[in-house]
Amino acid sequence: MAREAGEAGGTLPGVLNAANEVAVEAFLQERVSFSRIWGIVEEVMQGHRTEKSPNLHAIVAADTWARAEAKAIVNRT
């Protein structure tokens, strides 16, 4: 997934990072299993429409969106 995000560029690497941080935090709080981390990140990445040449506002917005999406997935789990 990291390679995919890196190759896509734009906002996708930030989305991957934000979703991963939320998923790992949920794992450390024993809310999800270790093996569920990648599934959460993958689901968030698939739901994101990458902006190829983002400005700072778009990067922050993508990060905020990804964290909210990942938290929603964790809460459904």
N, C-alpha and C. Protein backbone atom coordinates (compact mmCIF):
# COMPACT_ATOMS: atom_id res chain seq x y z
N MET A 1 0.81 -1.18 0.00
CA MET A 1 0.00 0.00 0.00
C MET A 1 0.87 1.26 0.00
N ALA A 2 1.98 1.20 0.72
CA ALA A 2 2.86 2.37 0.74
C ALA A 2 3.45 2.63 -0.64
N ARG A 3 3.79 1.58 -1.35
CA ARG A 3 4.32 1.76 -2.70
C ARG A 3 3.25 2.37 -3.60
N GLU A 4 2.04 1.85 -3.50
CA GLU A 4 0.92 2.39 -4.28
C GLU A 4 0.72 3.87 -3.99
N ALA A 5 0.72 4.23 -2.72
CA ALA A 5 0.53 5.63 -2.33
C ALA A 5 1.67 6.49 -2.84
N GLY A 6 2.89 5.99 -2.72
CA GLY A 6 4.04 6.75 -3.20
C GLY A 6 4.01 6.97 -4.70
N GLU A 7 3.63 5.94 -5.43
CA GLU A 7 3.56 6.06 -6.88
C GLU A 7 2.42 6.99 -7.31
N ALA A 8 1.31 6.94 -6.60
CA ALA A 8 0.17 7.80 -6.93
C ALA A 8 0.48 9.25 -6.59
N GLY A 9 1.17 9.45 -5.46
CA GLY A 9 1.53 10.80 -5.04
C GLY A 9 0.31 11.60 -4.62
N GLY A 10 0.41 12.89 -4.75
CA GLY A 10 -0.68 13.77 -4.37
C GLY A 10 -1.06 13.61 -2.91
N THR A 11 -2.35 13.49 -2.66
CA THR A 11 -2.84 13.39 -1.29
C THR A 11 -2.83 11.97 -0.73
N LEU A 12 -2.62 10.96 -1.58
CA LEU A 12 -2.73 9.58 -1.12
C LEU A 12 -1.71 9.18 -0.04
N PRO A 13 -0.44 9.60 -0.12
CA PRO A 13 0.47 9.23 0.97
C PRO A 13 0.03 9.78 2.33
N GLY A 14 -0.50 10.98 2.35
CA GLY A 14 -0.99 11.54 3.61
C GLY A 14 -2.19 10.80 4.13
N VAL A 15 -3.06 10.36 3.22
CA VAL A 15 -4.22 9.57 3.60
C VAL A 15 -3.78 8.25 4.21
N LEU A 16 -2.83 7.59 3.57
CA LEU A 16 -2.29 6.34 4.11
C LEU A 16 -1.75 6.56 5.53
N ASN A 17 -0.96 7.60 5.70
CA ASN A 17 -0.36 7.88 7.00
C ASN A 17 -1.41 8.16 8.07
N ALA A 18 -2.39 8.98 7.75
CA ALA A 18 -3.42 9.33 8.72
C ALA A 18 -4.23 8.11 9.12
N ALA A 19 -4.64 7.31 8.14
CA ALA A 19 -5.42 6.10 8.43
C ALA A 19 -4.60 5.12 9.25
N ASN A 20 -3.34 4.99 8.93
CA ASN A 20 -2.47 4.08 9.67
C ASN A 20 -2.33 4.53 11.13
N GLU A 21 -2.16 5.82 11.35
CA GLU A 21 -2.04 6.31 12.73
C GLU A 21 -3.29 5.99 13.54
N VAL A 22 -4.46 6.18 12.96
CA VAL A 22 -5.71 5.88 13.66
C VAL A 22 -5.83 4.39 13.92
N ALA A 23 -5.52 3.57 12.91
CA ALA A 23 -5.63 2.11 13.05
C ALA A 23 -4.66 1.57 14.10
N VAL A 24 -3.44 2.07 14.10
CA VAL A 24 -2.45 1.62 15.09
C VAL A 24 -2.87 2.05 16.49
N GLU A 25 -3.39 3.26 16.62
CA GLU A 25 -3.87 3.71 17.93
C GLU A 25 -5.00 2.80 18.42
N ALA A 26 -5.90 2.42 17.53
CA ALA A 26 -6.99 1.52 17.91
C ALA A 26 -6.45 0.16 18.33
N PHE A 27 -5.41 -0.31 17.65
CA PHE A 27 -4.77 -1.58 18.03
C PHE A 27 -4.14 -1.47 19.42
N LEU A 28 -3.43 -0.39 19.66
CA LEU A 28 -2.78 -0.21 20.96
C LEU A 28 -3.80 -0.09 22.10
N GLN A 29 -4.99 0.37 21.78
CA GLN A 29 -6.07 0.45 22.76
C GLN A 29 -6.89 -0.85 22.82
N GLU A 30 -6.41 -1.85 22.07
CA GLU A 30 -7.05 -3.17 22.01
C GLU A 30 -8.48 -3.11 21.48
N ARG A 31 -8.71 -2.19 20.55
CA ARG A 31 -10.03 -2.06 19.93
C ARG A 31 -10.11 -2.84 18.63
N VAL A 32 -8.96 -3.07 17.98
CA VAL A 32 -8.90 -3.90 16.77
C VAL A 32 -7.69 -4.82 16.88
N SER A 33 -7.72 -5.90 16.11
CA SER A 33 -6.57 -6.81 16.10
C SER A 33 -5.46 -6.23 15.22
N PHE A 34 -4.26 -6.74 15.43
CA PHE A 34 -3.11 -6.29 14.64
C PHE A 34 -3.37 -6.51 13.15
N SER A 35 -3.93 -7.66 12.81
CA SER A 35 -4.17 -7.97 11.40
C SER A 35 -5.24 -7.09 10.77
N ARG A 36 -6.01 -6.39 11.56
CA ARG A 36 -7.07 -5.51 11.03
C ARG A 36 -6.51 -4.15 10.59
N ILE A 37 -5.31 -3.80 11.03
CA ILE A 37 -4.73 -2.50 10.70
C ILE A 37 -4.69 -2.28 9.19
N TRP A 38 -4.11 -3.22 8.46
CA TRP A 38 -3.97 -3.03 7.01
C TRP A 38 -5.32 -2.93 6.32
N GLY A 39 -6.33 -3.66 6.82
CA GLY A 39 -7.65 -3.59 6.21
C GLY A 39 -8.29 -2.23 6.37
N ILE A 40 -8.09 -1.63 7.53
CA ILE A 40 -8.62 -0.28 7.77
C ILE A 40 -7.95 0.71 6.83
N VAL A 41 -6.64 0.64 6.75
CA VAL A 41 -5.88 1.56 5.88
C VAL A 41 -6.30 1.37 4.43
N GLU A 42 -6.41 0.13 4.01
CA GLU A 42 -6.80 -0.16 2.63
C GLU A 42 -8.19 0.39 2.31
N GLU A 43 -9.12 0.19 3.22
CA GLU A 43 -10.48 0.68 2.99
C GLU A 43 -10.52 2.21 2.86
N VAL A 44 -9.77 2.88 3.71
CA VAL A 44 -9.71 4.35 3.64
C VAL A 44 -9.08 4.79 2.32
N MET A 45 -7.98 4.16 1.94
CA MET A 45 -7.32 4.52 0.69
C MET A 45 -8.23 4.31 -0.51
N GLN A 46 -8.99 3.23 -0.51
CA GLN A 46 -9.88 2.95 -1.64
C GLN A 46 -11.02 3.96 -1.73
N GLY A 47 -11.40 4.52 -0.61
CA GLY A 47 -12.48 5.50 -0.61
C GLY A 47 -12.04 6.92 -0.91
N HIS A 48 -10.75 7.12 -1.06
CA HIS A 48 -10.21 8.46 -1.28
C HIS A 48 -10.03 8.75 -2.77
N ARG A 49 -10.43 9.93 -3.16
CA ARG A 49 -10.17 10.40 -4.52
C ARG A 49 -8.93 11.30 -4.46
N THR A 50 -7.84 10.80 -4.98
CA THR A 50 -6.54 11.49 -4.87
C THR A 50 -6.52 12.77 -5.68
N GLU A 51 -6.04 13.82 -5.03
CA GLU A 51 -5.78 15.08 -5.72
C GLU A 51 -4.30 15.07 -6.09
N LYS A 52 -4.01 15.15 -7.36
CA LYS A 52 -2.63 14.98 -7.84
C LYS A 52 -1.67 16.10 -7.45
N SER A 53 -2.11 17.34 -7.48
CA SER A 53 -1.24 18.48 -7.17
C SER A 53 -1.89 19.33 -6.08
N PRO A 54 -1.91 18.80 -4.86
CA PRO A 54 -2.64 19.50 -3.80
C PRO A 54 -1.88 20.69 -3.24
N ASN A 55 -2.66 21.67 -2.78
CA ASN A 55 -2.06 22.75 -2.00
C ASN A 55 -2.16 22.33 -0.52
N LEU A 56 -1.67 23.16 0.36
CA LEU A 56 -1.65 22.81 1.78
C LEU A 56 -3.06 22.55 2.31
N HIS A 57 -4.01 23.36 1.90
CA HIS A 57 -5.39 23.19 2.34
C HIS A 57 -5.92 21.80 1.96
N ALA A 58 -5.65 21.35 0.74
CA ALA A 58 -6.11 20.05 0.27
C ALA A 58 -5.44 18.91 1.04
N ILE A 59 -4.17 19.08 1.38
CA ILE A 59 -3.45 18.05 2.14
C ILE A 59 -4.04 17.92 3.54
N VAL A 60 -4.28 19.04 4.18
CA VAL A 60 -4.88 19.03 5.53
C VAL A 60 -6.29 18.45 5.48
N ALA A 61 -7.05 18.82 4.47
CA ALA A 61 -8.41 18.30 4.32
C ALA A 61 -8.40 16.79 4.10
N ALA A 62 -7.47 16.29 3.30
CA ALA A 62 -7.37 14.84 3.06
C ALA A 62 -6.98 14.11 4.34
N ASP A 63 -6.08 14.68 5.12
CA ASP A 63 -5.68 14.10 6.40
C ASP A 63 -6.88 14.03 7.36
N THR A 64 -7.59 15.11 7.45
CA THR A 64 -8.77 15.17 8.34
C THR A 64 -9.82 14.15 7.90
N TRP A 65 -10.07 14.08 6.61
CA TRP A 65 -11.04 13.13 6.07
C TRP A 65 -10.62 11.70 6.38
N ALA A 66 -9.34 11.38 6.14
CA ALA A 66 -8.85 10.02 6.35
C ALA A 66 -8.95 9.60 7.80
N ARG A 67 -8.63 10.50 8.71
CA ARG A 67 -8.75 10.18 10.14
C ARG A 67 -10.20 9.91 10.53
N ALA A 68 -11.11 10.71 10.02
CA ALA A 68 -12.53 10.51 10.33
C ALA A 68 -13.02 9.19 9.74
N GLU A 69 -12.62 8.88 8.52
CA GLU A 69 -13.03 7.62 7.89
C GLU A 69 -12.48 6.43 8.66
N ALA A 70 -11.21 6.49 9.03
CA ALA A 70 -10.60 5.38 9.77
C ALA A 70 -11.29 5.19 11.12
N LYS A 71 -11.59 6.29 11.80
CA LYS A 71 -12.29 6.19 13.09
C LYS A 71 -13.67 5.58 12.91
N ALA A 72 -14.36 5.93 11.84
CA ALA A 72 -15.68 5.35 11.57
C ALA A 72 -15.57 3.84 11.33
N ILE A 73 -14.54 3.43 10.62
CA ILE A 73 -14.34 2.00 10.37
C ILE A 73 -14.03 1.27 11.67
N VAL A 74 -13.18 1.85 12.49
CA VAL A 74 -12.85 1.25 13.79
C VAL A 74 -14.11 1.11 14.63
N ASN A 75 -14.94 2.13 14.64
CA ASN A 75 -16.16 2.10 15.44
C ASN A 75 -17.16 1.06 14.94
N ARG A 76 -17.11 0.75 13.64
CA ARG A 76 -17.99 -0.28 13.08
C ARG A 76 -17.49 -1.68 13.41
N THR A 77 -16.19 -1.78 13.67
CA THR A 77 -15.57 -3.09 13.88
C THR A 77 -15.96 -3.70 15.21
